Amino acid sequence: MRSFPLLIIYENLQRVEDDPETTVVQRAPIYLRAEAPLRGMDCSCGTCRMGSDPASSMVSFEGRWHELANPWIADANVFPGWPAVGPGLTVIANALRIGEAIGGVLGLVVLA
C-alpha cells in the first residue's frame, strides 16, 4: 500500500522527534509550553510583509497590495515572521480589521 506524501513526511518527523539522540527544538523561555514540535509548525508567515514602504513590504497596513489595486491579503503571510505562539487569534483580528477596510472601499457598512 502506498502512503500519501504528507503522511510520509509526518511519519519521518515523528521518527526524528522520538529519537532520543536528536534534539529538534531545545527548551527556551520563548515557548510557553516547553518544547514546540517541528511537525506542528506549519503556518507560513512573512511571505507578503505588511508595511508602508513598497520597497520592503508587499501590502499596506490595510492589507492592500502596493502595486495592484484589487488584491488584498488578510492571513498570516503579512506578519514579518513566525511568532513564539500560534498566530490564530491575531490572524482573525487582523482579517476583521482588513475586512472593514475592504468594506469601506466598497462603500459597505460593516457591522461589528
N, C-alpha and C. Protein backbone atom coordinates (compact mmCIF):
# COMPACT_ATOMS: atom_id res chain seq x y z
N MET A 1 0.85 -1.18 0.00
CA MET A 1 0.00 0.00 0.00
C MET A 1 0.89 1.24 0.00
N ARG A 2 0.58 2.17 -0.86
CA ARG A 2 1.37 3.39 -0.99
C ARG A 2 0.79 4.48 -0.10
N SER A 3 1.66 5.15 0.67
CA SER A 3 1.23 6.21 1.56
C SER A 3 1.20 7.54 0.84
N PHE A 4 0.40 8.45 1.34
CA PHE A 4 0.37 9.80 0.81
C PHE A 4 1.65 10.52 1.20
N PRO A 5 2.15 11.45 0.35
CA PRO A 5 3.40 12.17 0.68
C PRO A 5 3.37 12.87 2.03
N LEU A 6 2.25 13.50 2.39
CA LEU A 6 2.19 14.20 3.67
C LEU A 6 2.29 13.23 4.84
N LEU A 7 1.70 12.07 4.67
CA LEU A 7 1.78 11.06 5.73
C LEU A 7 3.22 10.58 5.88
N ILE A 8 3.93 10.43 4.79
CA ILE A 8 5.34 10.01 4.84
C ILE A 8 6.16 11.08 5.56
N ILE A 9 5.94 12.35 5.24
CA ILE A 9 6.65 13.44 5.90
C ILE A 9 6.35 13.43 7.39
N TYR A 10 5.09 13.28 7.73
CA TYR A 10 4.69 13.27 9.15
C TYR A 10 5.36 12.11 9.88
N GLU A 11 5.36 10.93 9.27
CA GLU A 11 5.98 9.76 9.91
C GLU A 11 7.48 9.97 10.09
N ASN A 12 8.14 10.57 9.11
CA ASN A 12 9.57 10.84 9.23
C ASN A 12 9.85 11.84 10.35
N LEU A 13 9.04 12.89 10.44
CA LEU A 13 9.21 13.86 11.52
C LEU A 13 8.97 13.22 12.87
N GLN A 14 8.00 12.34 12.94
CA GLN A 14 7.71 11.64 14.20
C GLN A 14 8.90 10.80 14.62
N ARG A 15 9.52 10.08 13.66
CA ARG A 15 10.68 9.26 13.99
C ARG A 15 11.84 10.13 14.49
N VAL A 16 12.06 11.28 13.87
CA VAL A 16 13.14 12.17 14.29
C VAL A 16 12.86 12.69 15.69
N GLU A 17 11.63 13.10 15.95
CA GLU A 17 11.30 13.64 17.27
C GLU A 17 11.34 12.58 18.36
N ASP A 18 11.05 11.33 18.02
CA ASP A 18 11.07 10.26 19.01
C ASP A 18 12.48 9.74 19.28
N ASP A 19 13.43 10.08 18.43
CA ASP A 19 14.82 9.63 18.60
C ASP A 19 15.46 10.39 19.76
N PRO A 20 15.90 9.71 20.82
CA PRO A 20 16.47 10.41 21.98
C PRO A 20 17.80 11.10 21.66
N GLU A 21 18.46 10.70 20.59
CA GLU A 21 19.73 11.31 20.20
C GLU A 21 19.55 12.61 19.43
N THR A 22 18.32 12.92 19.05
CA THR A 22 18.06 14.10 18.22
C THR A 22 17.30 15.14 19.04
N THR A 23 17.77 16.35 19.01
CA THR A 23 17.05 17.46 19.64
C THR A 23 16.48 18.32 18.51
N VAL A 24 15.16 18.32 18.39
CA VAL A 24 14.52 19.07 17.33
C VAL A 24 14.41 20.54 17.72
N VAL A 25 13.81 20.79 18.85
CA VAL A 25 13.69 22.15 19.38
C VAL A 25 14.13 22.11 20.83
N GLN A 26 15.07 22.95 21.18
CA GLN A 26 15.55 22.97 22.55
C GLN A 26 14.61 23.80 23.42
N ARG A 27 14.61 23.48 24.69
CA ARG A 27 13.80 24.24 25.64
C ARG A 27 14.30 25.68 25.67
N ALA A 28 13.37 26.60 25.62
CA ALA A 28 13.71 28.02 25.66
C ALA A 28 12.55 28.77 26.28
N PRO A 29 12.80 29.89 26.93
CA PRO A 29 11.72 30.61 27.59
C PRO A 29 10.68 31.18 26.62
N ILE A 30 11.00 31.23 25.32
CA ILE A 30 10.06 31.79 24.36
C ILE A 30 8.85 30.88 24.14
N TYR A 31 9.03 29.55 24.31
CA TYR A 31 7.92 28.62 24.16
C TYR A 31 7.23 28.46 25.51
N LEU A 32 6.01 28.90 25.58
CA LEU A 32 5.29 28.90 26.84
C LEU A 32 5.02 27.50 27.37
N ARG A 33 4.95 26.52 26.50
CA ARG A 33 4.66 25.15 26.93
C ARG A 33 5.86 24.24 26.70
N ALA A 34 7.04 24.71 26.99
CA ALA A 34 8.29 23.95 26.86
C ALA A 34 8.66 23.77 25.39
N GLU A 35 8.62 22.57 24.87
CA GLU A 35 9.10 22.33 23.52
C GLU A 35 7.98 22.48 22.49
N ALA A 36 8.33 23.02 21.35
CA ALA A 36 7.38 23.12 20.24
C ALA A 36 7.77 22.07 19.21
N PRO A 37 6.90 21.10 18.94
CA PRO A 37 7.26 20.05 17.99
C PRO A 37 7.37 20.58 16.57
N LEU A 38 8.34 20.07 15.83
CA LEU A 38 8.59 20.53 14.47
C LEU A 38 7.38 20.30 13.57
N ARG A 39 6.69 19.17 13.74
CA ARG A 39 5.55 18.85 12.86
C ARG A 39 4.35 19.77 13.11
N GLY A 40 4.35 20.55 14.20
CA GLY A 40 3.24 21.44 14.50
C GLY A 40 3.41 22.82 13.92
N MET A 41 4.57 23.11 13.38
CA MET A 41 4.84 24.44 12.83
C MET A 41 4.60 24.43 11.33
N ASP A 42 3.39 24.72 10.93
CA ASP A 42 3.06 24.60 9.52
C ASP A 42 2.39 25.84 8.95
N CYS A 43 2.43 26.94 9.64
CA CYS A 43 1.78 28.16 9.17
C CYS A 43 2.82 29.06 8.52
N SER A 44 2.58 29.44 7.28
CA SER A 44 3.55 30.31 6.61
C SER A 44 3.33 31.75 7.03
N CYS A 45 4.40 32.42 7.35
CA CYS A 45 4.36 33.81 7.76
C CYS A 45 5.51 34.54 7.08
N GLY A 46 5.30 35.81 6.80
CA GLY A 46 6.37 36.64 6.29
C GLY A 46 6.58 36.63 4.80
N THR A 47 5.72 35.97 4.05
CA THR A 47 5.91 35.91 2.60
C THR A 47 5.35 37.14 1.88
N CYS A 48 4.44 37.86 2.50
CA CYS A 48 3.83 39.07 1.91
C CYS A 48 3.79 40.15 2.99
N ARG A 49 4.93 40.61 3.40
CA ARG A 49 5.02 41.51 4.55
C ARG A 49 4.17 42.77 4.42
N MET A 50 3.69 43.23 5.56
CA MET A 50 2.87 44.42 5.66
C MET A 50 3.76 45.60 6.05
N GLY A 51 3.53 46.75 5.43
CA GLY A 51 4.30 47.93 5.77
C GLY A 51 3.93 49.12 4.91
N SER A 52 4.55 50.25 5.19
CA SER A 52 4.24 51.47 4.44
C SER A 52 5.17 51.69 3.26
N ASP A 53 6.32 51.02 3.24
CA ASP A 53 7.30 51.20 2.17
C ASP A 53 7.19 50.07 1.15
N PRO A 54 6.81 50.37 -0.11
CA PRO A 54 6.69 49.32 -1.12
C PRO A 54 8.01 48.60 -1.41
N ALA A 55 9.13 49.23 -1.10
CA ALA A 55 10.42 48.60 -1.36
C ALA A 55 10.70 47.45 -0.38
N SER A 56 10.13 47.52 0.81
CA SER A 56 10.40 46.49 1.82
C SER A 56 9.15 45.71 2.25
N SER A 57 8.01 46.00 1.65
CA SER A 57 6.78 45.28 2.01
C SER A 57 5.92 45.10 0.77
N MET A 58 5.03 44.12 0.84
CA MET A 58 4.18 43.82 -0.31
C MET A 58 2.80 44.47 -0.19
N VAL A 59 2.30 44.59 1.03
CA VAL A 59 0.96 45.15 1.23
C VAL A 59 1.01 46.30 2.22
N SER A 60 0.01 47.17 2.14
CA SER A 60 -0.10 48.30 3.07
C SER A 60 -0.61 47.79 4.42
N PHE A 61 -0.72 48.68 5.39
CA PHE A 61 -1.22 48.28 6.71
C PHE A 61 -2.70 47.90 6.65
N GLU A 62 -3.37 48.22 5.56
CA GLU A 62 -4.76 47.80 5.37
C GLU A 62 -4.85 46.47 4.64
N GLY A 63 -3.71 45.86 4.29
CA GLY A 63 -3.72 44.57 3.62
C GLY A 63 -3.82 44.64 2.11
N ARG A 64 -3.77 45.83 1.55
CA ARG A 64 -3.90 46.00 0.11
C ARG A 64 -2.52 46.04 -0.55
N TRP A 65 -2.38 45.36 -1.68
CA TRP A 65 -1.11 45.35 -2.39
C TRP A 65 -0.69 46.76 -2.75
N HIS A 66 0.62 47.02 -2.68
CA HIS A 66 1.14 48.33 -3.06
C HIS A 66 1.05 48.54 -4.58
N GLU A 67 1.32 47.51 -5.35
CA GLU A 67 1.46 47.64 -6.80
C GLU A 67 0.15 47.45 -7.56
N LEU A 68 -0.81 46.75 -6.99
CA LEU A 68 -2.08 46.47 -7.67
C LEU A 68 -3.24 46.98 -6.84
N ALA A 69 -4.34 47.32 -7.51
CA ALA A 69 -5.46 47.94 -6.81
C ALA A 69 -6.37 46.94 -6.08
N ASN A 70 -6.62 45.78 -6.66
CA ASN A 70 -7.65 44.91 -6.10
C ASN A 70 -7.20 43.83 -5.13
N PRO A 71 -6.02 43.25 -5.25
CA PRO A 71 -5.69 42.16 -4.30
C PRO A 71 -5.51 42.65 -2.86
N TRP A 72 -6.04 41.88 -1.93
CA TRP A 72 -5.91 42.14 -0.50
C TRP A 72 -5.43 40.84 0.14
N ILE A 73 -4.63 40.93 1.16
CA ILE A 73 -4.15 39.74 1.86
C ILE A 73 -4.49 39.92 3.34
N ALA A 74 -5.20 38.93 3.88
CA ALA A 74 -5.65 39.04 5.28
C ALA A 74 -5.35 37.76 6.04
N ASP A 75 -4.17 37.19 5.83
CA ASP A 75 -3.80 36.00 6.59
C ASP A 75 -2.44 36.19 7.25
N ALA A 76 -1.84 35.14 7.72
CA ALA A 76 -0.58 35.23 8.47
C ALA A 76 0.62 35.62 7.60
N ASN A 77 0.47 35.61 6.29
CA ASN A 77 1.58 35.97 5.42
C ASN A 77 2.01 37.43 5.57
N VAL A 78 1.15 38.28 6.08
CA VAL A 78 1.50 39.70 6.23
C VAL A 78 2.37 39.95 7.47
N PHE A 79 2.51 38.96 8.34
CA PHE A 79 3.35 39.12 9.52
C PHE A 79 4.82 39.05 9.12
N PRO A 80 5.69 39.70 9.85
CA PRO A 80 7.11 39.68 9.48
C PRO A 80 7.79 38.33 9.68
N GLY A 81 7.25 37.48 10.50
CA GLY A 81 7.83 36.16 10.75
C GLY A 81 6.96 35.36 11.68
N TRP A 82 7.40 34.14 11.99
CA TRP A 82 6.63 33.24 12.84
C TRP A 82 6.74 33.69 14.30
N PRO A 83 5.61 33.90 14.98
CA PRO A 83 5.66 34.31 16.39
C PRO A 83 5.98 33.12 17.30
N ALA A 84 6.19 33.39 18.57
CA ALA A 84 6.52 32.34 19.53
C ALA A 84 5.35 31.41 19.78
N VAL A 85 4.15 31.90 19.63
CA VAL A 85 2.96 31.07 19.82
C VAL A 85 2.11 31.15 18.56
N GLY A 86 1.13 30.28 18.44
CA GLY A 86 0.27 30.26 17.26
C GLY A 86 -0.40 31.60 17.00
N PRO A 87 -0.43 32.04 15.74
CA PRO A 87 -0.95 33.37 15.42
C PRO A 87 -2.45 33.41 15.14
N GLY A 88 -3.18 32.36 15.49
CA GLY A 88 -4.59 32.25 15.10
C GLY A 88 -5.46 33.45 15.47
N LEU A 89 -5.43 33.86 16.73
CA LEU A 89 -6.28 34.98 17.15
C LEU A 89 -5.85 36.29 16.51
N THR A 90 -4.55 36.47 16.34
CA THR A 90 -4.06 37.69 15.69
C THR A 90 -4.47 37.71 14.22
N VAL A 91 -4.44 36.56 13.56
CA VAL A 91 -4.88 36.47 12.16
C VAL A 91 -6.36 36.84 12.06
N ILE A 92 -7.17 36.33 12.98
CA ILE A 92 -8.61 36.64 12.96
C ILE A 92 -8.84 38.13 13.18
N ALA A 93 -8.17 38.71 14.17
CA ALA A 93 -8.35 40.14 14.45
C ALA A 93 -7.90 40.99 13.26
N ASN A 94 -6.78 40.63 12.67
CA ASN A 94 -6.28 41.37 11.52
C ASN A 94 -7.21 41.22 10.32
N ALA A 95 -7.74 40.02 10.10
CA ALA A 95 -8.66 39.79 8.98
C ALA A 95 -9.94 40.62 9.16
N LEU A 96 -10.44 40.73 10.39
CA LEU A 96 -11.62 41.56 10.64
C LEU A 96 -11.31 43.04 10.34
N ARG A 97 -10.13 43.48 10.75
CA ARG A 97 -9.72 44.88 10.50
C ARG A 97 -9.58 45.14 9.00
N ILE A 98 -8.96 44.20 8.29
CA ILE A 98 -8.80 44.36 6.83
C ILE A 98 -10.16 44.26 6.14
N GLY A 99 -11.04 43.42 6.66
CA GLY A 99 -12.40 43.32 6.10
C GLY A 99 -13.15 44.65 6.21
N GLU A 100 -12.95 45.34 7.32
CA GLU A 100 -13.58 46.67 7.46
C GLU A 100 -13.01 47.65 6.44
N ALA A 101 -11.70 47.58 6.18
CA ALA A 101 -11.08 48.45 5.18
C ALA A 101 -11.62 48.14 3.79
N ILE A 102 -11.79 46.88 3.47
CA ILE A 102 -12.37 46.49 2.17
C ILE A 102 -13.80 46.99 2.07
N GLY A 103 -14.57 46.81 3.14
CA GLY A 103 -15.95 47.30 3.15
C GLY A 103 -16.01 48.80 2.95
N GLY A 104 -15.07 49.53 3.54
CA GLY A 104 -15.03 50.99 3.35
C GLY A 104 -14.76 51.37 1.91
N VAL A 105 -13.85 50.65 1.27
CA VAL A 105 -13.54 50.93 -0.15
C VAL A 105 -14.75 50.64 -1.03
N LEU A 106 -15.48 49.58 -0.69
CA LEU A 106 -16.66 49.21 -1.48
C LEU A 106 -17.91 49.98 -1.10
N GLY A 107 -17.80 50.82 -0.07
CA GLY A 107 -18.96 51.59 0.38
C GLY A 107 -19.96 50.79 1.17
N LEU A 108 -19.50 49.72 1.81
CA LEU A 108 -20.36 48.86 2.61
C LEU A 108 -20.28 49.25 4.08
N VAL A 109 -21.36 49.06 4.79
CA VAL A 109 -21.36 49.29 6.24
C VAL A 109 -21.04 47.93 6.88
N VAL A 110 -19.97 47.90 7.66
CA VAL A 110 -19.58 46.67 8.34
C VAL A 110 -20.08 46.75 9.77
N LEU A 111 -20.91 45.78 10.13
CA LEU A 111 -21.47 45.74 11.49
C LEU A 111 -20.52 44.98 12.40
N ALA A 112 -20.23 45.56 13.54
CA ALA A 112 -19.32 44.91 14.49
C ALA A 112 -20.10 44.08 15.48
